[in-house]
Amino acid sequence: MKADIHPDYHTIKVVMTDGTEYETRSTWGKEGDVLNLDIDPTSHPAWTGGSQQLMDRGGRVSKFNKRFGGLGI
């Protein structure tokens, strides 16, 4: 295995949308960073049965709907 080609693997804290948090090891960020999730299994429609809506970050969903909304059957 080549030396110094692999990313740093360290401990980070992950905060879910409901405020629960846990520690895990990751290559994201740096040691001790906090990763705040926008979507997780407690809020994603795929796991909740579609009862909640996704946040429209930067207007992407509304922009898509405006461009392609009239194409419905």
PDB file of N, CA and C in Angstrom:
ATOM      1  N   MET A   1       0.842  -1.171   0.000  1.00  0.00           N
ATOM      2  CA  MET A   1       0.000   0.000   0.000  1.00  0.00           C
ATOM      3  C   MET A   1       0.893   1.241   0.000  1.00  0.00           C
ATOM      4  N   LYS A   2       0.569   2.225  -0.836  1.00  0.00           N
ATOM      5  CA  LYS A   2       1.359   3.443  -0.904  1.00  0.00           C
ATOM      6  C   LYS A   2       1.147   4.293   0.336  1.00  0.00           C
ATOM      7  N   ALA A   3       2.202   4.928   0.780  1.00  0.00           N
ATOM      8  CA  ALA A   3       2.117   5.807   1.951  1.00  0.00           C
ATOM      9  C   ALA A   3       1.592   7.177   1.555  1.00  0.00           C
ATOM     10  N   ASP A   4       0.868   7.817   2.456  1.00  0.00           N
ATOM     11  CA  ASP A   4       0.393   9.196   2.334  1.00  0.00           C
ATOM     12  C   ASP A   4      -0.558   9.451   1.165  1.00  0.00           C
ATOM     13  N   ILE A   5      -1.315   8.435   0.731  1.00  0.00           N
ATOM     14  CA  ILE A   5      -2.295   8.683  -0.324  1.00  0.00           C
ATOM     15  C   ILE A   5      -3.729   8.569   0.201  1.00  0.00           C
ATOM     16  N   HIS A   6      -3.912   8.098   1.404  1.00  0.00           N
ATOM     17  CA  HIS A   6      -5.244   7.903   1.960  1.00  0.00           C
ATOM     18  C   HIS A   6      -5.661   9.115   2.786  1.00  0.00           C
ATOM     19  N   PRO A   7      -6.952   9.480   2.750  1.00  0.00           N
ATOM     20  CA  PRO A   7      -7.416  10.627   3.546  1.00  0.00           C
ATOM     21  C   PRO A   7      -7.369  10.318   5.033  1.00  0.00           C
ATOM     22  N   ASP A   8      -7.331  11.365   5.820  1.00  0.00           N
ATOM     23  CA  ASP A   8      -7.318  11.245   7.275  1.00  0.00           C
ATOM     24  C   ASP A   8      -8.665  10.695   7.747  1.00  0.00           C
ATOM     25  N   TYR A   9      -8.652   9.663   8.559  1.00  0.00           N
ATOM     26  CA  TYR A   9      -9.846   9.025   9.091  1.00  0.00           C
ATOM     27  C   TYR A   9      -9.914   9.371  10.561  1.00  0.00           C
ATOM     28  N   HIS A  10     -10.931  10.119  10.988  1.00  0.00           N
ATOM     29  CA  HIS A  10     -10.979  10.665  12.339  1.00  0.00           C
ATOM     30  C   HIS A  10     -12.411  10.657  12.873  1.00  0.00           C
ATOM     31  N   THR A  11     -12.590  11.084  14.114  1.00  0.00           N
ATOM     32  CA  THR A  11     -13.893  11.093  14.773  1.00  0.00           C
ATOM     33  C   THR A  11     -14.577  12.441  14.566  1.00  0.00           C
ATOM     34  N   ILE A  12     -15.883  12.391  14.163  1.00  0.00           N
ATOM     35  CA  ILE A  12     -16.695  13.596  14.039  1.00  0.00           C
ATOM     36  C   ILE A  12     -18.012  13.372  14.779  1.00  0.00           C
ATOM     37  N   LYS A  13     -18.757  14.451  15.017  1.00  0.00           N
ATOM     38  CA  LYS A  13     -20.073  14.354  15.634  1.00  0.00           C
ATOM     39  C   LYS A  13     -21.114  14.655  14.571  1.00  0.00           C
ATOM     40  N   VAL A  14     -22.140  13.790  14.463  1.00  0.00           N
ATOM     41  CA  VAL A  14     -23.230  13.963  13.506  1.00  0.00           C
ATOM     42  C   VAL A  14     -24.477  14.351  14.285  1.00  0.00           C
ATOM     43  N   VAL A  15     -25.123  15.475  13.868  1.00  0.00           N
ATOM     44  CA  VAL A  15     -26.345  15.939  14.514  1.00  0.00           C
ATOM     45  C   VAL A  15     -27.496  15.750  13.531  1.00  0.00           C
ATOM     46  N   MET A  16     -28.490  14.947  13.953  1.00  0.00           N
ATOM     47  CA  MET A  16     -29.646  14.661  13.108  1.00  0.00           C
ATOM     48  C   MET A  16     -30.612  15.845  13.141  1.00  0.00           C
ATOM     49  N   THR A  17     -31.652  15.822  12.292  1.00  0.00           N
ATOM     50  CA  THR A  17     -32.600  16.927  12.217  1.00  0.00           C
ATOM     51  C   THR A  17     -33.422  17.084  13.485  1.00  0.00           C
ATOM     52  N   ASP A  18     -33.602  16.004  14.248  1.00  0.00           N
ATOM     53  CA  ASP A  18     -34.375  16.094  15.487  1.00  0.00           C
ATOM     54  C   ASP A  18     -33.509  16.454  16.693  1.00  0.00           C
ATOM     55  N   GLY A  19     -32.221  16.710  16.473  1.00  0.00           N
ATOM     56  CA  GLY A  19     -31.331  17.129  17.546  1.00  0.00           C
ATOM     57  C   GLY A  19     -30.511  16.020  18.172  1.00  0.00           C
ATOM     58  N   THR A  20     -30.836  14.765  17.870  1.00  0.00           N
ATOM     59  CA  THR A  20     -30.020  13.682  18.412  1.00  0.00           C
ATOM     60  C   THR A  20     -28.652  13.710  17.741  1.00  0.00           C
ATOM     61  N   GLU A  21     -27.668  13.279  18.453  1.00  0.00           N
ATOM     62  CA  GLU A  21     -26.314  13.306  17.917  1.00  0.00           C
ATOM     63  C   GLU A  21     -25.569  12.039  18.283  1.00  0.00           C
ATOM     64  N   TYR A  22     -24.597  11.705  17.464  1.00  0.00           N
ATOM     65  CA  TYR A  22     -23.751  10.551  17.726  1.00  0.00           C
ATOM     66  C   TYR A  22     -22.374  10.804  17.142  1.00  0.00           C
ATOM     67  N   GLU A  23     -21.398  10.068  17.607  1.00  0.00           N
ATOM     68  CA  GLU A  23     -20.040  10.183  17.099  1.00  0.00           C
ATOM     69  C   GLU A  23     -19.758   9.011  16.174  1.00  0.00           C
ATOM     70  N   THR A  24     -19.040   9.295  15.107  1.00  0.00           N
ATOM     71  CA  THR A  24     -18.663   8.272  14.155  1.00  0.00           C
ATOM     72  C   THR A  24     -17.308   8.623  13.571  1.00  0.00           C
ATOM     73  N   ARG A  25     -16.717   7.695  12.860  1.00  0.00           N
ATOM     74  CA  ARG A  25     -15.436   7.964  12.204  1.00  0.00           C
ATOM     75  C   ARG A  25     -15.698   8.240  10.738  1.00  0.00           C
ATOM     76  N   SER A  26     -14.993   9.234  10.183  1.00  0.00           N
ATOM     77  CA  SER A  26     -15.247   9.672   8.821  1.00  0.00           C
ATOM     78  C   SER A  26     -14.011  10.344   8.245  1.00  0.00           C
ATOM     79  N   THR A  27     -14.024  10.541   6.926  1.00  0.00           N
ATOM     80  CA  THR A  27     -12.991  11.333   6.267  1.00  0.00           C
ATOM     81  C   THR A  27     -13.480  12.757   6.032  1.00  0.00           C
ATOM     82  N   TRP A  28     -14.745  13.061   6.385  1.00  0.00           N
ATOM     83  CA  TRP A  28     -15.319  14.390   6.209  1.00  0.00           C
ATOM     84  C   TRP A  28     -14.739  15.350   7.246  1.00  0.00           C
ATOM     85  N   GLY A  29     -14.431  16.566   6.854  1.00  0.00           N
ATOM     86  CA  GLY A  29     -13.970  17.590   7.780  1.00  0.00           C
ATOM     87  C   GLY A  29     -12.660  17.244   8.443  1.00  0.00           C
ATOM     88  N   LYS A  30     -12.552  17.702   9.697  1.00  0.00           N
ATOM     89  CA  LYS A  30     -11.358  17.395  10.478  1.00  0.00           C
ATOM     90  C   LYS A  30     -11.777  16.910  11.861  1.00  0.00           C
ATOM     91  N   GLU A  31     -10.850  16.429  12.625  1.00  0.00           N
ATOM     92  CA  GLU A  31     -11.110  15.858  13.957  1.00  0.00           C
ATOM     93  C   GLU A  31     -11.962  16.807  14.798  1.00  0.00           C
ATOM     94  N   GLY A  32     -13.108  16.291  15.316  1.00  0.00           N
ATOM     95  CA  GLY A  32     -13.955  17.064  16.210  1.00  0.00           C
ATOM     96  C   GLY A  32     -14.993  17.937  15.521  1.00  0.00           C
ATOM     97  N   ASP A  33     -15.026  17.978  14.189  1.00  0.00           N
ATOM     98  CA  ASP A  33     -16.032  18.778  13.481  1.00  0.00           C
ATOM     99  C   ASP A  33     -17.431  18.230  13.733  1.00  0.00           C
ATOM    100  N   VAL A  34     -18.446  19.100  13.535  1.00  0.00           N
ATOM    101  CA  VAL A  34     -19.843  18.719  13.705  1.00  0.00           C
ATOM    102  C   VAL A  34     -20.528  18.775  12.353  1.00  0.00           C
ATOM    103  N   LEU A  35     -21.163  17.666  11.947  1.00  0.00           N
ATOM    104  CA  LEU A  35     -21.894  17.579  10.694  1.00  0.00           C
ATOM    105  C   LEU A  35     -23.382  17.667  11.011  1.00  0.00           C
ATOM    106  N   ASN A  36     -24.031  18.784  10.624  1.00  0.00           N
ATOM    107  CA  ASN A  36     -25.465  18.976  10.835  1.00  0.00           C
ATOM    108  C   ASN A  36     -26.201  18.517   9.578  1.00  0.00           C
ATOM    109  N   LEU A  37     -27.065  17.523   9.737  1.00  0.00           N
ATOM    110  CA  LEU A  37     -27.778  16.962   8.599  1.00  0.00           C
ATOM    111  C   LEU A  37     -29.037  17.761   8.286  1.00  0.00           C
ATOM    112  N   ASP A  38     -29.316  17.991   6.987  1.00  0.00           N
ATOM    113  CA  ASP A  38     -30.560  18.611   6.550  1.00  0.00           C
ATOM    114  C   ASP A  38     -31.642  17.559   6.370  1.00  0.00           C
ATOM    115  N   ILE A  39     -31.248  16.385   5.905  1.00  0.00           N
ATOM    116  CA  ILE A  39     -32.181  15.280   5.674  1.00  0.00           C
ATOM    117  C   ILE A  39     -31.558  14.020   6.273  1.00  0.00           C
ATOM    118  N   ASP A  40     -32.349  13.274   7.012  1.00  0.00           N
ATOM    119  CA  ASP A  40     -31.889  12.011   7.585  1.00  0.00           C
ATOM    120  C   ASP A  40     -33.066  11.034   7.587  1.00  0.00           C
ATOM    121  N   PRO A  41     -32.881   9.808   8.040  1.00  0.00           N
ATOM    122  CA  PRO A  41     -33.975   8.823   8.005  1.00  0.00           C
ATOM    123  C   PRO A  41     -35.227   9.245   8.773  1.00  0.00           C
ATOM    124  N   THR A  42     -35.127  10.173   9.728  1.00  0.00           N
ATOM    125  CA  THR A  42     -36.324  10.610  10.452  1.00  0.00           C
ATOM    126  C   THR A  42     -37.099  11.678   9.706  1.00  0.00           C
ATOM    127  N   SER A  43     -36.501  12.305   8.669  1.00  0.00           N
ATOM    128  CA  SER A  43     -37.193  13.375   7.955  1.00  0.00           C
ATOM    129  C   SER A  43     -37.293  13.158   6.450  1.00  0.00           C
ATOM    130  N   HIS A  44     -36.662  12.134   5.901  1.00  0.00           N
ATOM    131  CA  HIS A  44     -36.677  11.921   4.456  1.00  0.00           C
ATOM    132  C   HIS A  44     -37.961  11.207   4.040  1.00  0.00           C
ATOM    133  N   PRO A  45     -38.621  11.684   2.985  1.00  0.00           N
ATOM    134  CA  PRO A  45     -39.883  11.078   2.566  1.00  0.00           C
ATOM    135  C   PRO A  45     -39.790   9.588   2.237  1.00  0.00           C
ATOM    136  N   ALA A  46     -38.634   9.114   1.817  1.00  0.00           N
ATOM    137  CA  ALA A  46     -38.494   7.693   1.500  1.00  0.00           C
ATOM    138  C   ALA A  46     -38.685   6.821   2.735  1.00  0.00           C
ATOM    139  N   TRP A  47     -38.337   7.326   3.910  1.00  0.00           N
ATOM    140  CA  TRP A  47     -38.474   6.556   5.146  1.00  0.00           C
ATOM    141  C   TRP A  47     -39.714   6.928   5.941  1.00  0.00           C
ATOM    142  N   THR A  48     -40.263   8.114   5.712  1.00  0.00           N
ATOM    143  CA  THR A  48     -41.422   8.563   6.494  1.00  0.00           C
ATOM    144  C   THR A  48     -42.737   8.318   5.780  1.00  0.00           C
ATOM    145  N   GLY A  49     -42.704   7.749   4.588  1.00  0.00           N
ATOM    146  CA  GLY A  49     -43.926   7.485   3.850  1.00  0.00           C
ATOM    147  C   GLY A  49     -44.398   8.670   3.035  1.00  0.00           C
ATOM    148  N   GLY A  50     -43.546   9.662   2.852  1.00  0.00           N
ATOM    149  CA  GLY A  50     -43.880  10.806   2.006  1.00  0.00           C
ATOM    150  C   GLY A  50     -44.741  11.848   2.672  1.00  0.00           C
ATOM    151  N   SER A  51     -44.872  11.819   3.992  1.00  0.00           N
ATOM    152  CA  SER A  51     -45.750  12.772   4.668  1.00  0.00           C
ATOM    153  C   SER A  51     -45.107  14.150   4.815  1.00  0.00           C
ATOM    154  N   GLN A  52     -43.792  14.253   4.691  1.00  0.00           N
ATOM    155  CA  GLN A  52     -43.112  15.527   4.822  1.00  0.00           C
ATOM    156  C   GLN A  52     -42.559  15.962   3.477  1.00  0.00           C
ATOM    157  N   GLN A  53     -42.388  17.262   3.301  1.00  0.00           N
ATOM    158  CA  GLN A  53     -41.854  17.825   2.069  1.00  0.00           C
ATOM    159  C   GLN A  53     -40.361  18.093   2.229  1.00  0.00           C
ATOM    160  N   LEU A  54     -39.616  17.951   1.131  1.00  0.00           N
ATOM    161  CA  LEU A  54     -38.204  18.309   1.132  1.00  0.00           C
ATOM    162  C   LEU A  54     -38.061  19.821   1.117  1.00  0.00           C
ATOM    163  N   MET A  55     -37.021  20.336   1.758  1.00  0.00           N
ATOM    164  CA  MET A  55     -36.768  21.773   1.726  1.00  0.00           C
ATOM    165  C   MET A  55     -36.317  22.170   0.324  1.00  0.00           C
ATOM    166  N   ASP A  56     -36.790  23.302  -0.145  1.00  0.00           N
ATOM    167  CA  ASP A  56     -36.396  23.813  -1.454  1.00  0.00           C
ATOM    168  C   ASP A  56     -35.167  24.689  -1.252  1.00  0.00           C
ATOM    169  N   ARG A  57     -33.991  24.090  -1.380  1.00  0.00           N
ATOM    170  CA  ARG A  57     -32.747  24.808  -1.132  1.00  0.00           C
ATOM    171  C   ARG A  57     -32.325  25.536  -2.397  1.00  0.00           C
ATOM    172  N   GLY A  58     -32.331  26.867  -2.327  1.00  0.00           N
ATOM    173  CA  GLY A  58     -31.902  27.676  -3.448  1.00  0.00           C
ATOM    174  C   GLY A  58     -32.907  27.741  -4.579  1.00  0.00           C
ATOM    175  N   GLY A  59     -34.169  27.343  -4.335  1.00  0.00           N
ATOM    176  CA  GLY A  59     -35.202  27.428  -5.343  1.00  0.00           C
ATOM    177  C   GLY A  59     -35.111  26.387  -6.438  1.00  0.00           C
ATOM    178  N   ARG A  60     -34.347  25.336  -6.229  1.00  0.00           N
ATOM    179  CA  ARG A  60     -34.157  24.348  -7.287  1.00  0.00           C
ATOM    180  C   ARG A  60     -35.438  23.588  -7.612  1.00  0.00           C
ATOM    181  N   VAL A  61     -36.207  23.227  -6.577  1.00  0.00           N
ATOM    182  CA  VAL A  61     -37.441  22.480  -6.820  1.00  0.00           C
ATOM    183  C   VAL A  61     -38.453  23.363  -7.531  1.00  0.00           C
ATOM    184  N   SER A  62     -38.630  24.599  -7.069  1.00  0.00           N
ATOM    185  CA  SER A  62     -39.597  25.488  -7.713  1.00  0.00           C
ATOM    186  C   SER A  62     -39.147  25.847  -9.128  1.00  0.00           C
ATOM    187  N   LYS A  63     -37.859  25.987  -9.372  1.00  0.00           N
ATOM    188  CA  LYS A  63     -37.351  26.260 -10.714  1.00  0.00           C
ATOM    189  C   LYS A  63     -37.657  25.070 -11.637  1.00  0.00           C
ATOM    190  N   PHE A  64     -37.453  23.858 -11.144  1.00  0.00           N
ATOM    191  CA  PHE A  64     -37.763  22.660 -11.920  1.00  0.00           C
ATOM    192  C   PHE A  64     -39.254  22.592 -12.232  1.00  0.00           C
ATOM    193  N   ASN A  65     -40.085  22.838 -11.212  1.00  0.00           N
ATOM    194  CA  ASN A  65     -41.531  22.778 -11.415  1.00  0.00           C
ATOM    195  C   ASN A  65     -42.006  23.838 -12.402  1.00  0.00           C
ATOM    196  N   LYS A  66     -41.392  25.005 -12.393  1.00  0.00           N
ATOM    197  CA  LYS A  66     -41.772  26.055 -13.315  1.00  0.00           C
ATOM    198  C   LYS A  66     -41.429  25.673 -14.752  1.00  0.00           C
ATOM    199  N   ARG A  67     -40.277  25.041 -14.945  1.00  0.00           N
ATOM    200  CA  ARG A  67     -39.845  24.653 -16.287  1.00  0.00           C
ATOM    201  C   ARG A  67     -40.617  23.456 -16.830  1.00  0.00           C
ATOM    202  N   PHE A  68     -40.878  22.469 -15.971  1.00  0.00           N
ATOM    203  CA  PHE A  68     -41.438  21.206 -16.450  1.00  0.00           C
ATOM    204  C   PHE A  68     -42.817  20.885 -15.871  1.00  0.00           C
ATOM    205  N   GLY A  69     -43.427  21.796 -15.161  1.00  0.00           N
ATOM    206  CA  GLY A  69     -44.711  21.537 -14.519  1.00  0.00           C
ATOM    207  C   GLY A  69     -45.843  21.279 -15.498  1.00  0.00           C
ATOM    208  N   GLY A  70     -45.792  21.887 -16.693  1.00  0.00           N
ATOM    209  CA  GLY A  70     -46.852  21.721 -17.674  1.00  0.00           C
ATOM    210  C   GLY A  70     -46.764  20.433 -18.480  1.00  0.00           C
ATOM    211  N   LEU A  71     -45.767  19.610 -18.230  1.00  0.00           N
ATOM    212  CA  LEU A  71     -45.580  18.394 -19.018  1.00  0.00           C
ATOM    213  C   LEU A  71     -46.357  17.203 -18.485  1.00  0.00           C
ATOM    214  N   GLY A  72     -47.147  17.402 -17.431  1.00  0.00           N
ATOM    215  CA  GLY A  72     -47.902  16.300 -16.828  1.00  0.00           C
ATOM    216  C   GLY A  72     -48.915  15.697 -17.783  1.00  0.00           C
ATOM    217  N   ILE A  73     -49.228  14.459 -17.535  1.00  0.00           N
ATOM    218  CA  ILE A  73     -50.176  13.722 -18.398  1.00  0.00           C
ATOM    219  C   ILE A  73     -51.592  14.149 -18.094  1.00  0.00           C
TER     220      ILE A  73
END
